[in-house]
């Protein structure tokens, strides 16, 4: 996982114990006692770092949001060393956010729990909203280099953000249809040239992992016309 700067190792350990407990028990049933036991620390230490359960939950969500943002920012920075092509950079962001590294069952279960509570917890909603808007802003900037119309560029950015969140929430439920390759296929249809012309579709060769019996990365394509039905395709 991308590293998020948590200077105090014990606080980091407590938040990881909280994440593990939420994934197992849910937000409501997780208690400070569960986190204390999971981190193998006294309850007094937990209370020292977090004045209440709600404060612990907010800081844990903020940590996960920072981790989420760092994942795509790191991928973007690394890819910028190779190219400035906006489509390639967008693909790098998508790969990072749909990677197995970020999409562990534990992490996704906790994201789903927090998103489910966001409607009645304004502080949680704000943290999630800020993380999503940071992503949308970056995607919009990249799309504007391809689509001059700022409104269309923002639509593309928000479509991609919704696609990513949909994958995370559905995968938390264990839906097989939501394998990353399906989402790459859907992403390939989000690009619509302002001239209305279809762009030539190209594919990259499977990576080395395919030779080892692992699932290869989804193909890289230049997207064409959006077909809404493709967003839910299981093929």
C-alpha atoms as a PDB file:
ATOM      1  CA  UNK A   1       0.000   0.000   0.000  1.00  0.00           C
ATOM      2  CA  UNK A   2       1.162   3.579  -0.554  1.00  0.00           C
ATOM      3  CA  UNK A   3       2.657   4.960   2.622  1.00  0.00           C
ATOM      4  CA  UNK A   4       0.641   7.541   4.524  1.00  0.00           C
ATOM      5  CA  UNK A   5       2.623   9.580   6.998  1.00  0.00           C
ATOM      6  CA  UNK A   6       1.558   8.503  10.490  1.00  0.00           C
ATOM      7  CA  UNK A   7       4.406   9.605  12.723  1.00  0.00           C
ATOM      8  CA  UNK A   8       3.223   7.708  15.778  1.00  0.00           C
ATOM      9  CA  UNK A   9       3.515   3.969  15.150  1.00  0.00           C
ATOM     10  CA  UNK A  10       1.211   3.083  18.020  1.00  0.00           C
ATOM     11  CA  UNK A  11      -1.539   5.303  16.646  1.00  0.00           C
ATOM     12  CA  UNK A  12      -1.093   3.658  13.248  1.00  0.00           C
ATOM     13  CA  UNK A  13      -1.339   0.247  14.902  1.00  0.00           C
ATOM     14  CA  UNK A  14      -4.562   1.258  16.652  1.00  0.00           C
ATOM     15  CA  UNK A  15      -6.143   2.452  13.413  1.00  0.00           C
ATOM     16  CA  UNK A  16      -5.204  -0.795  11.669  1.00  0.00           C
ATOM     17  CA  UNK A  17      -6.777  -2.717  14.574  1.00  0.00           C
ATOM     18  CA  UNK A  18      -9.894  -0.582  14.168  1.00  0.00           C
ATOM     19  CA  UNK A  19     -10.007  -1.337  10.442  1.00  0.00           C
ATOM     20  CA  UNK A  20      -9.728  -5.063  11.167  1.00  0.00           C
ATOM     21  CA  UNK A  21     -12.523  -4.894  13.724  1.00  0.00           C
ATOM     22  CA  UNK A  22     -14.860  -2.900  11.453  1.00  0.00           C
ATOM     23  CA  UNK A  23     -14.273  -5.404   8.643  1.00  0.00           C
ATOM     24  CA  UNK A  24     -15.207  -8.206  11.014  1.00  0.00           C
ATOM     25  CA  UNK A  25     -17.970  -6.644  13.137  1.00  0.00           C
ATOM     26  CA  UNK A  26     -19.113  -3.444  11.434  1.00  0.00           C
ATOM     27  CA  UNK A  27     -19.010   0.139  12.686  1.00  0.00           C
ATOM     28  CA  UNK A  28     -21.750  -0.108  15.284  1.00  0.00           C
ATOM     29  CA  UNK A  29     -20.491  -3.272  16.957  1.00  0.00           C
ATOM     30  CA  UNK A  30     -16.821  -2.288  17.061  1.00  0.00           C
ATOM     31  CA  UNK A  31     -15.834  -1.045  20.510  1.00  0.00           C
ATOM     32  CA  UNK A  32     -12.744   0.509  22.031  1.00  0.00           C
ATOM     33  CA  UNK A  33     -12.253  -2.793  23.852  1.00  0.00           C
ATOM     34  CA  UNK A  34     -12.099  -4.647  20.518  1.00  0.00           C
ATOM     35  CA  UNK A  35      -9.499  -2.215  19.193  1.00  0.00           C
ATOM     36  CA  UNK A  36      -7.498  -2.401  22.407  1.00  0.00           C
ATOM     37  CA  UNK A  37      -7.417  -6.182  22.243  1.00  0.00           C
ATOM     38  CA  UNK A  38      -6.667  -6.253  18.522  1.00  0.00           C
ATOM     39  CA  UNK A  39      -3.743  -3.851  18.887  1.00  0.00           C
ATOM     40  CA  UNK A  40      -2.560  -5.593  22.070  1.00  0.00           C
ATOM     41  CA  UNK A  41      -2.568  -2.298  23.957  1.00  0.00           C
ATOM     42  CA  UNK A  42      -4.307  -1.162  27.105  1.00  0.00           C
ATOM     43  CA  UNK A  43      -7.593   0.684  26.916  1.00  0.00           C
ATOM     44  CA  UNK A  44      -5.838   3.623  28.527  1.00  0.00           C
ATOM     45  CA  UNK A  45      -3.537   3.934  25.518  1.00  0.00           C
ATOM     46  CA  UNK A  46      -6.518   3.906  23.159  1.00  0.00           C
ATOM     47  CA  UNK A  47      -8.165   6.664  25.200  1.00  0.00           C
ATOM     48  CA  UNK A  48      -4.931   8.654  25.104  1.00  0.00           C
ATOM     49  CA  UNK A  49      -4.991   8.767  21.297  1.00  0.00           C
ATOM     50  CA  UNK A  50      -8.748   8.938  20.789  1.00  0.00           C
ATOM     51  CA  UNK A  51     -11.020  10.819  23.165  1.00  0.00           C
ATOM     52  CA  UNK A  52     -14.058   8.857  21.993  1.00  0.00           C
ATOM     53  CA  UNK A  53     -15.116   6.042  19.688  1.00  0.00           C
ATOM     54  CA  UNK A  54     -16.431   8.594  17.185  1.00  0.00           C
ATOM     55  CA  UNK A  55     -13.079  10.395  17.149  1.00  0.00           C
ATOM     56  CA  UNK A  56     -11.343   7.069  16.530  1.00  0.00           C
ATOM     57  CA  UNK A  57     -13.699   6.325  13.645  1.00  0.00           C
ATOM     58  CA  UNK A  58     -13.191   9.739  12.056  1.00  0.00           C
ATOM     59  CA  UNK A  59      -9.412   9.542  12.235  1.00  0.00           C
ATOM     60  CA  UNK A  60      -9.436   6.002  10.861  1.00  0.00           C
ATOM     61  CA  UNK A  61     -11.580   7.067   7.916  1.00  0.00           C
ATOM     62  CA  UNK A  62      -9.310  10.083   7.320  1.00  0.00           C
ATOM     63  CA  UNK A  63      -6.324   7.724   7.303  1.00  0.00           C
ATOM     64  CA  UNK A  64      -8.004   5.433   4.758  1.00  0.00           C
ATOM     65  CA  UNK A  65      -8.982   8.411   2.588  1.00  0.00           C
ATOM     66  CA  UNK A  66      -5.373   9.615   2.619  1.00  0.00           C
ATOM     67  CA  UNK A  67      -4.236   6.105   1.698  1.00  0.00           C
ATOM     68  CA  UNK A  68      -6.750   6.031  -1.181  1.00  0.00           C
ATOM     69  CA  UNK A  69      -5.574   9.400  -2.510  1.00  0.00           C
ATOM     70  CA  UNK A  70      -1.906   8.521  -2.125  1.00  0.00           C
ATOM     71  CA  UNK A  71      -2.413   5.366  -4.211  1.00  0.00           C
ATOM     72  CA  UNK A  72      -3.522   7.203  -7.365  1.00  0.00           C
ATOM     73  CA  UNK A  73      -1.212  10.173  -6.817  1.00  0.00           C
ATOM     74  CA  UNK A  74       1.783   7.851  -6.552  1.00  0.00           C
ATOM     75  CA  UNK A  75       0.746   6.028  -9.735  1.00  0.00           C
ATOM     76  CA  UNK A  76       0.297   9.337 -11.564  1.00  0.00           C
ATOM     77  CA  UNK A  77       3.679  10.668 -10.468  1.00  0.00           C
ATOM     78  CA  UNK A  78       5.427   7.482 -11.546  1.00  0.00           C
ATOM     79  CA  UNK A  79       3.730   7.445 -14.947  1.00  0.00           C
ATOM     80  CA  UNK A  80       4.542  11.134 -15.517  1.00  0.00           C
ATOM     81  CA  UNK A  81       8.203  10.146 -15.564  1.00  0.00           C
ATOM     82  CA  UNK A  82       7.468   8.161 -18.723  1.00  0.00           C
ATOM     83  CA  UNK A  83       4.799  10.144 -20.581  1.00  0.00           C
ATOM     84  CA  UNK A  84       2.483  13.142 -20.541  1.00  0.00           C
ATOM     85  CA  UNK A  85      -0.189  11.446 -22.654  1.00  0.00           C
ATOM     86  CA  UNK A  86      -3.463  12.140 -20.790  1.00  0.00           C
ATOM     87  CA  UNK A  87      -5.150   8.842 -21.684  1.00  0.00           C
ATOM     88  CA  UNK A  88      -2.159   6.863 -20.442  1.00  0.00           C
ATOM     89  CA  UNK A  89      -2.128   8.901 -17.232  1.00  0.00           C
ATOM     90  CA  UNK A  90      -5.855   8.332 -16.697  1.00  0.00           C
ATOM     91  CA  UNK A  91      -5.311   4.611 -17.192  1.00  0.00           C
ATOM     92  CA  UNK A  92      -2.527   4.645 -14.596  1.00  0.00           C
ATOM     93  CA  UNK A  93      -4.888   6.200 -12.059  1.00  0.00           C
ATOM     94  CA  UNK A  94      -7.579   3.633 -12.836  1.00  0.00           C
ATOM     95  CA  UNK A  95      -5.139   0.737 -12.523  1.00  0.00           C
ATOM     96  CA  UNK A  96      -4.039   1.992  -9.103  1.00  0.00           C
ATOM     97  CA  UNK A  97      -7.577   2.322  -7.776  1.00  0.00           C
ATOM     98  CA  UNK A  98      -8.657  -1.089  -9.102  1.00  0.00           C
ATOM     99  CA  UNK A  99      -5.487  -2.882  -8.034  1.00  0.00           C
ATOM    100  CA  UNK A 100      -5.538  -5.907  -5.763  1.00  0.00           C
ATOM    101  CA  UNK A 101      -3.225  -4.004  -3.448  1.00  0.00           C
ATOM    102  CA  UNK A 102      -5.840  -1.350  -2.736  1.00  0.00           C
ATOM    103  CA  UNK A 103      -8.918  -3.540  -3.164  1.00  0.00           C
ATOM    104  CA  UNK A 104      -8.385  -6.048  -0.375  1.00  0.00           C
ATOM    105  CA  UNK A 105     -11.610  -7.472   1.048  1.00  0.00           C
ATOM    106  CA  UNK A 106     -10.853  -5.916   4.450  1.00  0.00           C
ATOM    107  CA  UNK A 107     -10.290  -2.420   3.069  1.00  0.00           C
ATOM    108  CA  UNK A 108     -13.343  -2.566   0.803  1.00  0.00           C
ATOM    109  CA  UNK A 109     -15.594  -3.848   3.601  1.00  0.00           C
ATOM    110  CA  UNK A 110     -14.575  -0.916   5.767  1.00  0.00           C
ATOM    111  CA  UNK A 111     -15.091   1.590   2.944  1.00  0.00           C
ATOM    112  CA  UNK A 112     -18.573   0.157   2.408  1.00  0.00           C
ATOM    113  CA  UNK A 113     -19.336   0.496   6.120  1.00  0.00           C
ATOM    114  CA  UNK A 114     -18.271   4.130   6.256  1.00  0.00           C
ATOM    115  CA  UNK A 115     -20.094   5.048   3.047  1.00  0.00           C
ATOM    116  CA  UNK A 116     -23.232   3.377   4.395  1.00  0.00           C
ATOM    117  CA  UNK A 117     -23.068   5.572   7.503  1.00  0.00           C
ATOM    118  CA  UNK A 118     -22.130   8.788   5.695  1.00  0.00           C
ATOM    119  CA  UNK A 119     -25.760   9.808   5.194  1.00  0.00           C
ATOM    120  CA  UNK A 120     -26.246  10.256   8.939  1.00  0.00           C
ATOM    121  CA  UNK A 121     -22.651  11.188   9.844  1.00  0.00           C
ATOM    122  CA  UNK A 122     -21.730  14.561   8.279  1.00  0.00           C
ATOM    123  CA  UNK A 123     -18.103  14.309   9.407  1.00  0.00           C
ATOM    124  CA  UNK A 124     -17.729  10.963   7.616  1.00  0.00           C
ATOM    125  CA  UNK A 125     -19.496  12.289   4.525  1.00  0.00           C
ATOM    126  CA  UNK A 126     -17.120  15.271   4.346  1.00  0.00           C
ATOM    127  CA  UNK A 127     -14.004  13.076   4.464  1.00  0.00           C
ATOM    128  CA  UNK A 128     -15.309  10.788   1.718  1.00  0.00           C
ATOM    129  CA  UNK A 129     -16.524  13.731  -0.370  1.00  0.00           C
ATOM    130  CA  UNK A 130     -13.149  15.475  -0.172  1.00  0.00           C
ATOM    131  CA  UNK A 131     -11.297  12.321  -1.272  1.00  0.00           C
ATOM    132  CA  UNK A 132     -13.669  11.830  -4.197  1.00  0.00           C
ATOM    133  CA  UNK A 133     -13.519  15.479  -5.271  1.00  0.00           C
ATOM    134  CA  UNK A 134      -9.718  15.418  -5.232  1.00  0.00           C
ATOM    135  CA  UNK A 135      -9.826  12.500  -7.667  1.00  0.00           C
ATOM    136  CA  UNK A 136     -12.489  14.120  -9.857  1.00  0.00           C
ATOM    137  CA  UNK A 137     -10.455  17.344 -10.054  1.00  0.00           C
ATOM    138  CA  UNK A 138      -7.378  15.489 -11.271  1.00  0.00           C
ATOM    139  CA  UNK A 139      -9.320  13.388 -13.763  1.00  0.00           C
ATOM    140  CA  UNK A 140     -11.065  16.489 -15.101  1.00  0.00           C
ATOM    141  CA  UNK A 141      -7.699  18.199 -15.699  1.00  0.00           C
ATOM    142  CA  UNK A 142      -6.513  15.198 -17.688  1.00  0.00           C
ATOM    143  CA  UNK A 143      -9.743  14.842 -19.667  1.00  0.00           C
ATOM    144  CA  UNK A 144      -9.644  18.543 -20.593  1.00  0.00           C
ATOM    145  CA  UNK A 145      -6.438  17.875 -22.490  1.00  0.00           C
ATOM    146  CA  UNK A 146      -8.449  15.549 -24.710  1.00  0.00           C
ATOM    147  CA  UNK A 147     -11.908  17.091 -24.570  1.00  0.00           C
ATOM    148  CA  UNK A 148     -11.815  20.911 -24.810  1.00  0.00           C
ATOM    149  CA  UNK A 149     -15.343  21.250 -23.412  1.00  0.00           C
ATOM    150  CA  UNK A 150     -14.868  21.617 -19.628  1.00  0.00           C
ATOM    151  CA  UNK A 151     -18.406  20.398 -18.918  1.00  0.00           C
ATOM    152  CA  UNK A 152     -17.892  17.179 -20.884  1.00  0.00           C
ATOM    153  CA  UNK A 153     -14.480  16.691 -19.261  1.00  0.00           C
ATOM    154  CA  UNK A 154     -16.067  16.932 -15.822  1.00  0.00           C
ATOM    155  CA  UNK A 155     -18.783  14.472 -16.853  1.00  0.00           C
ATOM    156  CA  UNK A 156     -16.119  11.980 -17.899  1.00  0.00           C
ATOM    157  CA  UNK A 157     -14.286  12.497 -14.615  1.00  0.00           C
ATOM    158  CA  UNK A 158     -17.415  11.907 -12.555  1.00  0.00           C
ATOM    159  CA  UNK A 159     -18.353   8.857 -14.613  1.00  0.00           C
ATOM    160  CA  UNK A 160     -14.964   7.353 -13.861  1.00  0.00           C
ATOM    161  CA  UNK A 161     -15.197   8.200 -10.167  1.00  0.00           C
ATOM    162  CA  UNK A 162     -18.626   6.547 -10.004  1.00  0.00           C
ATOM    163  CA  UNK A 163     -17.254   3.530 -11.869  1.00  0.00           C
ATOM    164  CA  UNK A 164     -14.431   3.147  -9.363  1.00  0.00           C
ATOM    165  CA  UNK A 165     -16.675   3.515  -6.320  1.00  0.00           C
ATOM    166  CA  UNK A 166     -19.133   1.072  -7.852  1.00  0.00           C
ATOM    167  CA  UNK A 167     -16.366  -1.480  -8.246  1.00  0.00           C
ATOM    168  CA  UNK A 168     -15.237  -1.014  -4.648  1.00  0.00           C
ATOM    169  CA  UNK A 169     -18.720  -1.327  -3.153  1.00  0.00           C
ATOM    170  CA  UNK A 170     -19.782  -4.258  -5.328  1.00  0.00           C
ATOM    171  CA  UNK A 171     -16.511  -6.082  -4.747  1.00  0.00           C
ATOM    172  CA  UNK A 172     -17.048  -5.693  -1.001  1.00  0.00           C
ATOM    173  CA  UNK A 173     -20.125  -7.883  -1.531  1.00  0.00           C
ATOM    174  CA  UNK A 174     -18.032 -10.449  -3.389  1.00  0.00           C
ATOM    175  CA  UNK A 175     -19.716  -9.960  -6.764  1.00  0.00           C
ATOM    176  CA  UNK A 176     -17.706 -11.803  -9.423  1.00  0.00           C
ATOM    177  CA  UNK A 177     -19.081  -9.545 -12.154  1.00  0.00           C
ATOM    178  CA  UNK A 178     -17.023  -6.721 -10.711  1.00  0.00           C
ATOM    179  CA  UNK A 179     -13.614  -8.083 -11.634  1.00  0.00           C
ATOM    180  CA  UNK A 180     -11.283  -5.249 -12.737  1.00  0.00           C
ATOM    181  CA  UNK A 181     -11.255  -6.335 -16.383  1.00  0.00           C
ATOM    182  CA  UNK A 182     -14.972  -5.596 -16.655  1.00  0.00           C
ATOM    183  CA  UNK A 183     -14.356  -2.061 -15.466  1.00  0.00           C
ATOM    184  CA  UNK A 184     -11.507  -1.518 -17.875  1.00  0.00           C
ATOM    185  CA  UNK A 185     -13.847  -2.554 -20.682  1.00  0.00           C
ATOM    186  CA  UNK A 186     -16.420  -0.026 -19.465  1.00  0.00           C
ATOM    187  CA  UNK A 187     -13.776   2.693 -19.103  1.00  0.00           C
ATOM    188  CA  UNK A 188     -12.802   2.095 -22.714  1.00  0.00           C
ATOM    189  CA  UNK A 189     -16.183   3.484 -23.765  1.00  0.00           C
ATOM    190  CA  UNK A 190     -16.084   6.681 -21.724  1.00  0.00           C
ATOM    191  CA  UNK A 191     -14.078   8.622 -24.285  1.00  0.00           C
ATOM    192  CA  UNK A 192     -16.042  10.476 -26.939  1.00  0.00           C
ATOM    193  CA  UNK A 193     -14.124  12.729 -29.333  1.00  0.00           C
ATOM    194  CA  UNK A 194     -15.739  16.119 -29.780  1.00  0.00           C
ATOM    195  CA  UNK A 195     -15.699  15.552 -33.518  1.00  0.00           C
ATOM    196  CA  UNK A 196     -17.872  12.471 -33.020  1.00  0.00           C
ATOM    197  CA  UNK A 197     -15.307  10.257 -34.746  1.00  0.00           C
ATOM    198  CA  UNK A 198     -14.469   6.848 -33.325  1.00  0.00           C
ATOM    199  CA  UNK A 199     -10.853   6.451 -32.243  1.00  0.00           C
ATOM    200  CA  UNK A 200      -8.865   3.411 -33.289  1.00  0.00           C
ATOM    201  CA  UNK A 201      -8.830   0.739 -30.598  1.00  0.00           C
ATOM    202  CA  UNK A 202      -5.428  -0.658 -29.711  1.00  0.00           C
ATOM    203  CA  UNK A 203      -4.385  -3.289 -27.207  1.00  0.00           C
ATOM    204  CA  UNK A 204      -1.229  -4.009 -25.280  1.00  0.00           C
ATOM    205  CA  UNK A 205       0.213  -7.462 -24.865  1.00  0.00           C
ATOM    206  CA  UNK A 206      -0.498  -9.318 -21.602  1.00  0.00           C
ATOM    207  CA  UNK A 207       2.153  -8.663 -18.990  1.00  0.00           C
ATOM    208  CA  UNK A 208       4.658 -11.205 -17.720  1.00  0.00           C
ATOM    209  CA  UNK A 209       2.301 -12.377 -14.972  1.00  0.00           C
ATOM    210  CA  UNK A 210       0.174 -14.134 -17.595  1.00  0.00           C
ATOM    211  CA  UNK A 211       3.005 -16.571 -18.287  1.00  0.00           C
ATOM    212  CA  UNK A 212       2.983 -17.557 -14.629  1.00  0.00           C
ATOM    213  CA  UNK A 213      -0.675 -18.501 -14.624  1.00  0.00           C
ATOM    214  CA  UNK A 214      -1.796 -15.230 -13.076  1.00  0.00           C
ATOM    215  CA  UNK A 215      -4.534 -13.045 -14.462  1.00  0.00           C
ATOM    216  CA  UNK A 216      -2.998 -10.479 -16.815  1.00  0.00           C
ATOM    217  CA  UNK A 217      -3.722  -6.789 -16.505  1.00  0.00           C
ATOM    218  CA  UNK A 218      -6.778  -5.722 -18.526  1.00  0.00           C
ATOM    219  CA  UNK A 219      -5.976  -4.483 -22.038  1.00  0.00           C
ATOM    220  CA  UNK A 220      -5.096  -0.852 -22.543  1.00  0.00           C
ATOM    221  CA  UNK A 221      -7.404   0.777 -25.073  1.00  0.00           C
ATOM    222  CA  UNK A 222      -8.253   4.144 -26.463  1.00  0.00           C
ATOM    223  CA  UNK A 223     -11.943   4.542 -25.647  1.00  0.00           C
ATOM    224  CA  UNK A 224     -14.791   5.005 -28.095  1.00  0.00           C
ATOM    225  CA  UNK A 225     -18.464   5.953 -27.886  1.00  0.00           C
ATOM    226  CA  UNK A 226     -20.144   5.401 -24.519  1.00  0.00           C
ATOM    227  CA  UNK A 227     -22.775   2.691 -24.468  1.00  0.00           C
ATOM    228  CA  UNK A 228     -24.569   2.874 -21.101  1.00  0.00           C
ATOM    229  CA  UNK A 229     -25.229  -0.864 -21.167  1.00  0.00           C
ATOM    230  CA  UNK A 230     -21.501  -1.543 -21.200  1.00  0.00           C
ATOM    231  CA  UNK A 231     -21.225  -0.189 -17.663  1.00  0.00           C
ATOM    232  CA  UNK A 232     -23.055  -3.291 -16.465  1.00  0.00           C
ATOM    233  CA  UNK A 233     -21.625  -5.828 -18.889  1.00  0.00           C
ATOM    234  CA  UNK A 234     -20.447  -9.117 -17.365  1.00  0.00           C
ATOM    235  CA  UNK A 235     -18.588 -10.262 -20.467  1.00  0.00           C
END
